[in-house]
N, C-alpha and C. Protein backbone atom coordinates (compact mmCIF):
# COMPACT_ATOMS: atom_id res chain seq x y z
N UNK A 1 15.02 -2.79 18.66
CA UNK A 1 14.66 -2.58 17.28
C UNK A 1 13.98 -1.22 17.17
N UNK A 2 14.39 -0.44 16.16
CA UNK A 2 13.76 0.86 15.95
C UNK A 2 12.60 0.72 14.98
N UNK A 3 11.69 1.66 15.07
CA UNK A 3 10.55 1.63 14.15
C UNK A 3 10.61 2.83 13.24
N UNK A 4 10.00 2.71 12.08
CA UNK A 4 9.96 3.79 11.12
C UNK A 4 8.74 4.64 11.39
N UNK A 5 8.93 5.96 11.41
CA UNK A 5 7.83 6.88 11.63
C UNK A 5 7.45 7.55 10.31
N UNK A 6 6.20 7.48 9.94
CA UNK A 6 5.71 8.13 8.74
C UNK A 6 4.92 9.37 9.16
N UNK A 7 5.54 10.52 9.08
CA UNK A 7 4.88 11.74 9.54
C UNK A 7 3.69 12.10 8.68
N UNK A 8 3.70 11.72 7.43
CA UNK A 8 2.58 12.03 6.55
C UNK A 8 1.63 10.85 6.35
N UNK A 9 2.00 9.71 6.86
CA UNK A 9 1.14 8.54 6.73
C UNK A 9 1.55 7.64 5.58
N UNK A 10 0.84 6.56 5.47
CA UNK A 10 1.05 5.59 4.40
C UNK A 10 0.09 5.96 3.27
N UNK A 11 0.53 5.87 2.03
CA UNK A 11 -0.36 6.25 0.92
C UNK A 11 -1.69 5.51 0.99
N UNK A 12 -2.76 6.25 0.74
CA UNK A 12 -4.09 5.67 0.72
C UNK A 12 -4.64 5.54 -0.70
N UNK A 13 -3.97 6.20 -1.64
CA UNK A 13 -4.39 6.13 -3.03
C UNK A 13 -3.21 6.54 -3.91
N UNK A 14 -3.33 6.25 -5.18
CA UNK A 14 -2.33 6.66 -6.15
C UNK A 14 -3.01 6.84 -7.50
N UNK A 15 -2.40 7.62 -8.37
CA UNK A 15 -2.93 7.78 -9.70
C UNK A 15 -1.82 8.18 -10.65
N UNK A 16 -1.95 7.90 -11.94
CA UNK A 16 -0.90 8.22 -12.90
C UNK A 16 -0.74 9.72 -13.09
N UNK A 17 0.50 10.14 -13.31
CA UNK A 17 0.80 11.54 -13.56
C UNK A 17 1.32 11.67 -14.99
N UNK A 18 0.73 12.56 -15.75
CA UNK A 18 1.23 12.89 -17.09
C UNK A 18 2.05 14.16 -16.98
N UNK A 19 3.36 14.07 -17.20
CA UNK A 19 4.20 15.27 -17.07
C UNK A 19 3.69 16.42 -17.93
N UNK A 20 3.78 17.64 -17.38
CA UNK A 20 3.29 18.84 -18.05
C UNK A 20 4.11 20.03 -17.59
N UNK A 21 4.57 20.85 -18.53
CA UNK A 21 5.40 21.99 -18.17
C UNK A 21 4.63 23.19 -17.64
N UNK A 22 3.34 23.28 -17.91
CA UNK A 22 2.61 24.51 -17.57
C UNK A 22 1.46 24.33 -16.59
N UNK A 23 1.09 23.09 -16.26
CA UNK A 23 -0.06 22.85 -15.39
C UNK A 23 0.34 21.98 -14.21
N UNK A 24 -0.06 22.40 -12.99
CA UNK A 24 0.15 21.56 -11.82
C UNK A 24 -0.61 20.26 -12.02
N UNK A 25 0.04 19.13 -11.72
CA UNK A 25 -0.55 17.85 -12.13
C UNK A 25 -0.38 16.70 -11.14
N UNK A 26 -0.07 17.00 -9.88
CA UNK A 26 0.17 15.89 -8.95
C UNK A 26 -0.97 15.67 -7.96
N UNK A 27 -2.02 16.47 -8.03
CA UNK A 27 -3.17 16.28 -7.14
C UNK A 27 -4.44 16.16 -7.97
N UNK A 28 -5.22 15.14 -7.68
CA UNK A 28 -6.48 14.96 -8.39
C UNK A 28 -7.51 15.97 -7.90
N UNK A 29 -7.43 16.34 -6.62
CA UNK A 29 -8.33 17.37 -6.07
C UNK A 29 -7.63 18.08 -4.91
N UNK A 30 -8.21 19.15 -4.43
CA UNK A 30 -7.55 20.00 -3.44
C UNK A 30 -7.36 19.33 -2.08
N UNK A 31 -8.09 18.26 -1.80
CA UNK A 31 -7.94 17.60 -0.50
C UNK A 31 -6.81 16.57 -0.49
N UNK A 32 -6.25 16.25 -1.66
CA UNK A 32 -5.14 15.31 -1.73
C UNK A 32 -3.89 15.91 -1.09
N UNK A 33 -3.15 15.08 -0.37
CA UNK A 33 -1.86 15.48 0.15
C UNK A 33 -0.81 14.54 -0.43
N UNK A 34 0.01 15.08 -1.31
CA UNK A 34 1.05 14.29 -1.97
C UNK A 34 2.16 13.96 -0.98
N UNK A 35 2.59 12.69 -0.98
CA UNK A 35 3.74 12.34 -0.16
C UNK A 35 4.89 11.79 -0.99
N UNK A 36 4.68 11.62 -2.29
CA UNK A 36 5.75 11.15 -3.14
C UNK A 36 5.24 10.55 -4.43
N UNK A 37 6.15 9.84 -5.09
CA UNK A 37 5.85 9.23 -6.38
C UNK A 37 6.36 7.80 -6.42
N UNK A 38 5.67 6.97 -7.16
CA UNK A 38 6.18 5.66 -7.51
C UNK A 38 6.52 5.74 -8.99
N UNK A 39 7.74 5.34 -9.36
CA UNK A 39 8.22 5.46 -10.73
C UNK A 39 8.60 4.07 -11.23
N UNK A 40 7.96 3.63 -12.30
CA UNK A 40 8.19 2.29 -12.83
C UNK A 40 9.46 2.19 -13.66
N UNK A 41 9.71 3.18 -14.52
CA UNK A 41 10.84 3.11 -15.44
C UNK A 41 11.94 4.10 -15.10
N UNK A 42 13.17 3.64 -15.06
CA UNK A 42 14.32 4.46 -14.69
C UNK A 42 14.48 5.69 -15.58
N UNK A 43 15.06 6.73 -15.01
CA UNK A 43 15.34 7.95 -15.76
C UNK A 43 15.37 9.13 -14.83
N UNK A 44 15.24 10.31 -15.40
CA UNK A 44 15.18 11.54 -14.61
C UNK A 44 13.73 11.96 -14.45
N UNK A 45 13.42 12.54 -13.29
CA UNK A 45 12.12 13.14 -13.06
C UNK A 45 12.37 14.58 -12.62
N UNK A 46 11.69 15.51 -13.27
CA UNK A 46 11.83 16.93 -12.93
C UNK A 46 10.56 17.34 -12.18
N UNK A 47 10.75 17.73 -10.93
CA UNK A 47 9.65 18.05 -10.04
C UNK A 47 9.74 19.52 -9.63
N UNK A 48 8.62 20.23 -9.68
CA UNK A 48 8.57 21.61 -9.22
C UNK A 48 8.15 21.61 -7.76
N UNK A 49 9.00 22.14 -6.88
CA UNK A 49 8.72 22.24 -5.45
C UNK A 49 8.72 23.71 -5.06
N UNK A 50 8.53 23.98 -3.77
CA UNK A 50 8.58 25.36 -3.27
C UNK A 50 9.92 26.01 -3.58
N UNK A 51 10.97 25.20 -3.63
CA UNK A 51 12.31 25.72 -3.88
C UNK A 51 12.66 25.85 -5.35
N UNK A 52 11.78 25.43 -6.23
CA UNK A 52 12.05 25.49 -7.67
C UNK A 52 12.05 24.11 -8.29
N UNK A 53 12.56 24.02 -9.50
CA UNK A 53 12.62 22.74 -10.21
C UNK A 53 13.79 21.92 -9.72
N UNK A 54 13.53 20.64 -9.48
CA UNK A 54 14.55 19.70 -9.03
C UNK A 54 14.57 18.52 -9.97
N UNK A 55 15.75 18.10 -10.40
CA UNK A 55 15.90 16.93 -11.25
C UNK A 55 16.49 15.81 -10.41
N UNK A 56 15.80 14.67 -10.39
CA UNK A 56 16.23 13.52 -9.60
C UNK A 56 16.33 12.32 -10.52
N UNK A 57 17.47 11.64 -10.49
CA UNK A 57 17.65 10.41 -11.26
C UNK A 57 17.19 9.23 -10.41
N UNK A 58 16.34 8.39 -10.98
CA UNK A 58 15.78 7.26 -10.23
C UNK A 58 15.94 5.96 -11.00
N UNK A 59 16.07 4.84 -10.28
CA UNK A 59 16.12 3.52 -10.94
C UNK A 59 14.70 3.00 -11.20
N UNK A 60 14.62 1.83 -11.83
CA UNK A 60 13.33 1.17 -12.02
C UNK A 60 12.65 0.91 -10.69
N UNK A 61 11.33 0.97 -10.70
CA UNK A 61 10.49 0.61 -9.54
C UNK A 61 10.95 1.31 -8.27
N UNK A 62 10.97 2.63 -8.32
CA UNK A 62 11.49 3.45 -7.23
C UNK A 62 10.38 4.27 -6.59
N UNK A 63 10.41 4.35 -5.28
CA UNK A 63 9.49 5.23 -4.54
C UNK A 63 10.27 6.45 -4.11
N UNK A 64 9.85 7.60 -4.60
CA UNK A 64 10.50 8.87 -4.31
C UNK A 64 9.64 9.63 -3.32
N UNK A 65 10.17 9.87 -2.13
CA UNK A 65 9.44 10.62 -1.11
C UNK A 65 9.75 12.09 -1.30
N UNK A 66 8.72 12.86 -1.58
CA UNK A 66 8.88 14.31 -1.75
C UNK A 66 7.55 14.97 -1.42
N UNK A 67 7.60 15.95 -0.53
CA UNK A 67 6.40 16.71 -0.20
C UNK A 67 6.47 18.07 -0.87
N UNK A 68 5.39 18.78 -0.86
CA UNK A 68 5.32 20.13 -1.41
C UNK A 68 5.59 20.22 -2.90
N UNK A 69 5.43 19.15 -3.62
CA UNK A 69 5.59 19.21 -5.08
C UNK A 69 4.26 19.60 -5.70
N UNK A 70 4.35 20.40 -6.75
CA UNK A 70 3.14 20.83 -7.45
C UNK A 70 3.04 20.24 -8.85
N UNK A 71 4.20 19.89 -9.43
CA UNK A 71 4.19 19.52 -10.83
C UNK A 71 5.32 18.57 -11.16
N UNK A 72 5.05 17.64 -12.06
CA UNK A 72 6.10 16.87 -12.73
C UNK A 72 6.18 17.44 -14.13
N UNK A 73 7.34 17.98 -14.48
CA UNK A 73 7.50 18.65 -15.76
C UNK A 73 7.84 17.64 -16.86
N UNK A 74 7.40 17.96 -18.07
CA UNK A 74 7.70 17.08 -19.20
C UNK A 74 9.11 17.32 -19.73
N UNK A 75 9.56 18.58 -19.71
CA UNK A 75 10.91 18.89 -20.17
C UNK A 75 11.92 18.35 -19.17
N UNK A 76 12.74 17.43 -19.61
CA UNK A 76 13.76 16.85 -18.75
C UNK A 76 13.36 15.56 -18.07
N UNK A 77 12.07 15.25 -18.04
CA UNK A 77 11.62 14.00 -17.42
C UNK A 77 11.72 12.86 -18.43
N UNK A 78 12.54 11.87 -18.08
CA UNK A 78 12.71 10.70 -18.95
C UNK A 78 12.20 9.42 -18.28
N UNK A 79 11.95 9.49 -16.96
CA UNK A 79 11.40 8.35 -16.24
C UNK A 79 9.98 8.10 -16.75
N UNK A 80 9.53 6.85 -16.65
CA UNK A 80 8.19 6.50 -17.15
C UNK A 80 7.38 5.81 -16.06
N UNK A 81 6.09 5.77 -16.29
CA UNK A 81 5.20 5.10 -15.33
C UNK A 81 5.21 5.81 -13.99
N UNK A 82 4.91 7.10 -13.99
CA UNK A 82 4.96 7.91 -12.76
C UNK A 82 3.58 7.96 -12.13
N UNK A 83 3.52 7.64 -10.84
CA UNK A 83 2.27 7.66 -10.10
C UNK A 83 2.43 8.54 -8.88
N UNK A 84 1.45 9.41 -8.64
CA UNK A 84 1.43 10.22 -7.43
C UNK A 84 0.91 9.37 -6.27
N UNK A 85 1.57 9.45 -5.12
CA UNK A 85 1.15 8.75 -3.91
C UNK A 85 0.53 9.79 -2.98
N UNK A 86 -0.71 9.57 -2.58
CA UNK A 86 -1.41 10.56 -1.76
C UNK A 86 -1.96 9.93 -0.48
N UNK A 87 -2.19 10.79 0.50
CA UNK A 87 -2.85 10.38 1.75
C UNK A 87 -4.12 11.15 1.90
């Protein structure tokens, strides 16, 4: 049997994210390390990463693993109930 390795760890906290086009919004403070998002309602989520803006379509109750994200943008984001997962 193989085991799953979590290089960034298991989330230790989470908090709601309000999408915003102009302000970084995925960290409550500078010591937070984002490892992804939990999304309650299906739709698109637009995330700003080091590589630029990425649009990802997600189903209901989805955990999206993404590192190096700085922002969830309001323009183009239709998913609801977005929570940042941090370690």
